[in-house]
């Protein structure tokens, strides 16, 4: 783990990102206090990151789980069957 202040980040953003890409976390400090962290993120881990840290996605997951508990879920097979029947009726 590495520490870098704001000035270091401004001067050497590319170098800091290179360190992160090699697997090193970098804590960014502002006036000597931790302000942010930069850590490696890959195509394989971005979805997990978004699920964990996106308030909008977390809210949708929570709403979905609540609907499951309330029995408001329609099985996918039933939904697909209904769509297929509707398309036939339109023809």
N, C-alpha and C. Protein backbone atom coordinates (compact mmCIF):
# COMPACT_ATOMS: atom_id res chain seq x y z
N UNK A 1 0.86 -1.17 0.00
CA UNK A 1 0.00 0.00 0.00
C UNK A 1 0.90 1.23 0.00
N UNK A 2 0.47 2.20 -0.77
CA UNK A 2 1.26 3.42 -0.93
C UNK A 2 0.41 4.63 -0.57
N UNK A 3 1.06 5.67 -0.08
CA UNK A 3 0.39 6.93 0.21
C UNK A 3 0.91 7.98 -0.77
N UNK A 4 0.01 8.83 -1.24
CA UNK A 4 0.41 9.95 -2.10
C UNK A 4 -0.48 11.12 -1.77
N UNK A 5 0.10 12.30 -1.73
CA UNK A 5 -0.73 13.48 -1.46
C UNK A 5 -1.26 14.05 -2.78
N UNK A 6 -2.10 15.05 -2.67
CA UNK A 6 -2.73 15.64 -3.84
C UNK A 6 -1.69 16.16 -4.85
N UNK A 7 -0.65 16.81 -4.36
CA UNK A 7 0.38 17.35 -5.26
C UNK A 7 1.08 16.23 -6.02
N UNK A 8 1.38 15.13 -5.32
CA UNK A 8 2.00 13.99 -6.00
C UNK A 8 1.06 13.43 -7.08
N UNK A 9 -0.21 13.38 -6.76
CA UNK A 9 -1.19 12.87 -7.72
C UNK A 9 -1.24 13.77 -8.95
N UNK A 10 -1.21 15.08 -8.73
CA UNK A 10 -1.23 16.02 -9.85
C UNK A 10 0.02 15.89 -10.71
N UNK A 11 1.18 15.73 -10.08
CA UNK A 11 2.44 15.67 -10.81
C UNK A 11 2.66 14.32 -11.50
N UNK A 12 2.18 13.25 -10.88
CA UNK A 12 2.51 11.92 -11.39
C UNK A 12 1.30 10.99 -11.43
N UNK A 13 0.20 11.48 -11.94
CA UNK A 13 -1.02 10.65 -12.01
C UNK A 13 -0.76 9.37 -12.80
N UNK A 14 -0.05 9.49 -13.90
CA UNK A 14 0.23 8.32 -14.73
C UNK A 14 1.06 7.28 -13.97
N UNK A 15 2.05 7.71 -13.24
CA UNK A 15 2.88 6.79 -12.45
C UNK A 15 2.09 6.12 -11.34
N UNK A 16 1.23 6.89 -10.70
CA UNK A 16 0.40 6.34 -9.64
C UNK A 16 -0.56 5.30 -10.21
N UNK A 17 -1.18 5.62 -11.34
CA UNK A 17 -2.08 4.65 -11.97
C UNK A 17 -1.32 3.40 -12.39
N UNK A 18 -0.10 3.56 -12.86
CA UNK A 18 0.72 2.39 -13.22
C UNK A 18 0.93 1.49 -12.01
N UNK A 19 1.20 2.09 -10.85
CA UNK A 19 1.35 1.31 -9.62
C UNK A 19 0.07 0.56 -9.28
N UNK A 20 -1.04 1.24 -9.44
CA UNK A 20 -2.34 0.63 -9.15
C UNK A 20 -2.59 -0.54 -10.10
N UNK A 21 -2.27 -0.36 -11.37
CA UNK A 21 -2.46 -1.43 -12.35
C UNK A 21 -1.62 -2.65 -12.03
N UNK A 22 -0.53 -2.46 -11.31
CA UNK A 22 0.33 -3.57 -10.90
C UNK A 22 -0.17 -4.22 -9.62
N UNK A 23 -1.26 -3.72 -9.07
CA UNK A 23 -1.87 -4.34 -7.90
C UNK A 23 -1.70 -3.60 -6.59
N UNK A 24 -1.11 -2.42 -6.62
CA UNK A 24 -0.86 -1.67 -5.40
C UNK A 24 -1.99 -0.67 -5.13
N UNK A 25 -2.54 -0.70 -3.94
CA UNK A 25 -3.52 0.31 -3.54
C UNK A 25 -2.78 1.61 -3.21
N UNK A 26 -3.39 2.74 -3.53
CA UNK A 26 -2.79 4.04 -3.22
C UNK A 26 -3.81 4.86 -2.46
N UNK A 27 -3.43 5.29 -1.27
CA UNK A 27 -4.28 6.17 -0.48
C UNK A 27 -3.86 7.59 -0.77
N UNK A 28 -4.82 8.41 -1.18
CA UNK A 28 -4.56 9.81 -1.48
C UNK A 28 -4.88 10.62 -0.23
N UNK A 29 -3.93 11.45 0.15
CA UNK A 29 -4.13 12.29 1.33
C UNK A 29 -4.28 13.75 0.93
N UNK A 30 -5.01 14.46 1.75
CA UNK A 30 -5.19 15.91 1.58
C UNK A 30 -4.90 16.55 2.93
N UNK A 31 -3.89 17.38 2.93
CA UNK A 31 -3.43 18.02 4.17
C UNK A 31 -3.10 16.98 5.26
N UNK A 32 -2.51 15.88 4.81
CA UNK A 32 -2.08 14.84 5.74
C UNK A 32 -3.14 13.87 6.20
N UNK A 33 -4.36 14.05 5.72
CA UNK A 33 -5.45 13.15 6.13
C UNK A 33 -5.94 12.35 4.93
N UNK A 34 -6.32 11.10 5.16
CA UNK A 34 -6.81 10.28 4.04
C UNK A 34 -8.05 10.90 3.40
N UNK A 35 -8.06 10.96 2.07
CA UNK A 35 -9.19 11.56 1.36
C UNK A 35 -9.82 10.58 0.37
N UNK A 36 -9.01 9.68 -0.18
CA UNK A 36 -9.53 8.76 -1.19
C UNK A 36 -8.58 7.58 -1.31
N UNK A 37 -9.05 6.56 -1.96
CA UNK A 37 -8.19 5.41 -2.24
C UNK A 37 -8.35 5.04 -3.71
N UNK A 38 -7.25 4.69 -4.32
CA UNK A 38 -7.28 4.20 -5.69
C UNK A 38 -6.80 2.75 -5.62
N UNK A 39 -7.61 1.86 -6.15
CA UNK A 39 -7.19 0.46 -6.12
C UNK A 39 -7.50 -0.19 -7.46
N UNK A 40 -6.86 -1.32 -7.74
CA UNK A 40 -7.02 -1.95 -9.04
C UNK A 40 -8.46 -2.34 -9.32
N UNK A 41 -8.85 -2.12 -10.56
CA UNK A 41 -10.19 -2.48 -11.01
C UNK A 41 -10.04 -3.08 -12.40
N UNK A 42 -10.63 -4.23 -12.61
CA UNK A 42 -10.52 -4.90 -13.90
C UNK A 42 -11.90 -5.08 -14.50
N UNK A 43 -11.95 -5.53 -15.73
CA UNK A 43 -13.23 -5.81 -16.37
C UNK A 43 -14.00 -6.87 -15.58
N UNK A 44 -13.27 -7.78 -14.94
CA UNK A 44 -13.91 -8.86 -14.18
C UNK A 44 -14.47 -8.37 -12.85
N UNK A 45 -13.90 -7.30 -12.29
CA UNK A 45 -14.32 -6.85 -10.96
C UNK A 45 -15.20 -5.61 -10.98
N UNK A 46 -15.38 -4.99 -12.12
CA UNK A 46 -16.14 -3.73 -12.15
C UNK A 46 -17.61 -3.93 -11.79
N UNK A 47 -18.19 -5.06 -12.20
CA UNK A 47 -19.60 -5.30 -11.86
C UNK A 47 -19.77 -5.43 -10.35
N UNK A 48 -18.87 -6.18 -9.71
CA UNK A 48 -18.95 -6.32 -8.26
C UNK A 48 -18.80 -4.96 -7.57
N UNK A 49 -17.89 -4.14 -8.07
CA UNK A 49 -17.69 -2.80 -7.50
C UNK A 49 -18.97 -1.98 -7.63
N UNK A 50 -19.57 -1.99 -8.81
CA UNK A 50 -20.77 -1.19 -9.04
C UNK A 50 -21.93 -1.65 -8.16
N UNK A 51 -22.08 -2.96 -8.02
CA UNK A 51 -23.15 -3.49 -7.17
C UNK A 51 -22.93 -3.07 -5.72
N UNK A 52 -21.69 -3.14 -5.29
CA UNK A 52 -21.38 -2.83 -3.90
C UNK A 52 -21.49 -1.34 -3.58
N UNK A 53 -21.10 -0.47 -4.52
CA UNK A 53 -20.98 0.95 -4.18
C UNK A 53 -21.96 1.88 -4.87
N UNK A 54 -22.78 1.40 -5.79
CA UNK A 54 -23.74 2.27 -6.46
C UNK A 54 -25.04 2.32 -5.67
N UNK A 55 -25.40 3.47 -5.12
CA UNK A 55 -26.66 3.56 -4.37
C UNK A 55 -27.88 3.20 -5.22
N UNK A 56 -27.87 3.58 -6.49
CA UNK A 56 -29.01 3.28 -7.36
C UNK A 56 -29.16 1.78 -7.56
N UNK A 57 -28.06 1.10 -7.81
CA UNK A 57 -28.12 -0.35 -8.01
C UNK A 57 -28.50 -1.05 -6.72
N UNK A 58 -27.90 -0.63 -5.60
CA UNK A 58 -28.25 -1.23 -4.29
C UNK A 58 -29.73 -1.08 -4.02
N UNK A 59 -30.28 0.10 -4.33
CA UNK A 59 -31.70 0.34 -4.10
C UNK A 59 -32.56 -0.61 -4.93
N UNK A 60 -32.20 -0.79 -6.21
CA UNK A 60 -32.96 -1.70 -7.06
C UNK A 60 -32.89 -3.14 -6.56
N UNK A 61 -31.73 -3.57 -6.09
CA UNK A 61 -31.59 -4.91 -5.55
C UNK A 61 -32.48 -5.07 -4.32
N UNK A 62 -32.44 -4.09 -3.43
CA UNK A 62 -33.25 -4.14 -2.21
C UNK A 62 -34.74 -4.17 -2.55
N UNK A 63 -35.16 -3.38 -3.55
CA UNK A 63 -36.56 -3.38 -3.96
C UNK A 63 -36.95 -4.74 -4.53
N UNK A 64 -36.05 -5.33 -5.32
CA UNK A 64 -36.32 -6.65 -5.88
C UNK A 64 -36.45 -7.72 -4.81
N UNK A 65 -35.55 -7.68 -3.82
CA UNK A 65 -35.63 -8.65 -2.73
C UNK A 65 -36.91 -8.48 -1.93
N UNK A 66 -37.32 -7.24 -1.74
CA UNK A 66 -38.56 -6.97 -1.02
C UNK A 66 -39.76 -7.53 -1.79
N UNK A 67 -39.77 -7.34 -3.11
CA UNK A 67 -40.85 -7.87 -3.94
C UNK A 67 -40.88 -9.39 -3.92
N UNK A 68 -39.71 -10.01 -3.88
CA UNK A 68 -39.66 -11.48 -3.79
C UNK A 68 -40.32 -11.93 -2.49
N UNK A 69 -39.97 -11.28 -1.38
CA UNK A 69 -40.55 -11.64 -0.08
C UNK A 69 -42.06 -11.44 -0.06
N UNK A 70 -42.55 -10.44 -0.80
CA UNK A 70 -43.98 -10.15 -0.85
C UNK A 70 -44.72 -11.01 -1.87
N UNK A 71 -43.99 -11.84 -2.59
CA UNK A 71 -44.61 -12.71 -3.58
C UNK A 71 -45.03 -11.99 -4.85
N UNK A 72 -44.43 -10.87 -5.15
CA UNK A 72 -44.79 -10.08 -6.32
C UNK A 72 -43.98 -10.46 -7.55
N UNK A 73 -43.31 -11.59 -7.51
CA UNK A 73 -42.43 -11.98 -8.60
C UNK A 73 -43.16 -12.92 -9.55
N UNK A 74 -42.95 -12.69 -10.83
CA UNK A 74 -43.52 -13.54 -11.87
C UNK A 74 -42.40 -14.43 -12.40
N UNK A 75 -42.59 -15.74 -12.41
CA UNK A 75 -41.55 -16.61 -12.96
C UNK A 75 -41.25 -16.25 -14.42
N UNK A 76 -40.01 -16.31 -14.80
CA UNK A 76 -39.59 -15.95 -16.15
C UNK A 76 -40.33 -16.77 -17.20
N UNK A 77 -40.52 -18.05 -16.96
CA UNK A 77 -41.22 -18.91 -17.92
C UNK A 77 -42.64 -18.39 -18.18
N UNK A 78 -43.32 -17.93 -17.12
CA UNK A 78 -44.68 -17.40 -17.29
C UNK A 78 -44.66 -16.10 -18.09
N UNK A 79 -43.68 -15.26 -17.83
CA UNK A 79 -43.56 -13.99 -18.55
C UNK A 79 -43.29 -14.24 -20.03
N UNK A 80 -42.39 -15.15 -20.33
CA UNK A 80 -42.09 -15.46 -21.73
C UNK A 80 -43.29 -16.08 -22.44
N UNK A 81 -44.00 -16.92 -21.75
CA UNK A 81 -45.19 -17.55 -22.32
C UNK A 81 -46.25 -16.50 -22.63
N UNK A 82 -46.44 -15.55 -21.72
CA UNK A 82 -47.43 -14.48 -21.93
C UNK A 82 -47.04 -13.61 -23.12
N UNK A 83 -45.77 -13.31 -23.26
CA UNK A 83 -45.31 -12.49 -24.39
C UNK A 83 -45.52 -13.23 -25.71
N UNK A 84 -45.25 -14.52 -25.70
CA UNK A 84 -45.41 -15.33 -26.91
C UNK A 84 -46.89 -15.38 -27.31
N UNK A 85 -47.76 -15.56 -26.33
CA UNK A 85 -49.20 -15.60 -26.59
C UNK A 85 -49.69 -14.26 -27.13
N UNK A 86 -49.18 -13.16 -26.58
CA UNK A 86 -49.57 -11.82 -27.02
C UNK A 86 -49.15 -11.59 -28.47
N UNK A 87 -47.94 -12.01 -28.81
CA UNK A 87 -47.47 -11.84 -30.20
C UNK A 87 -48.34 -12.64 -31.18
N UNK A 88 -48.75 -13.82 -30.80
CA UNK A 88 -49.61 -14.64 -31.66
C UNK A 88 -50.97 -13.94 -31.87
N UNK A 89 -51.47 -13.33 -30.80
CA UNK A 89 -52.77 -12.66 -30.89
C UNK A 89 -52.70 -11.44 -31.79
N UNK A 90 -51.53 -10.81 -31.87
CA UNK A 90 -51.38 -9.62 -32.72
C UNK A 90 -51.31 -9.97 -34.19
N UNK A 91 -50.97 -11.19 -34.51
CA UNK A 91 -50.82 -11.58 -35.91
C UNK A 91 -52.13 -11.84 -36.56
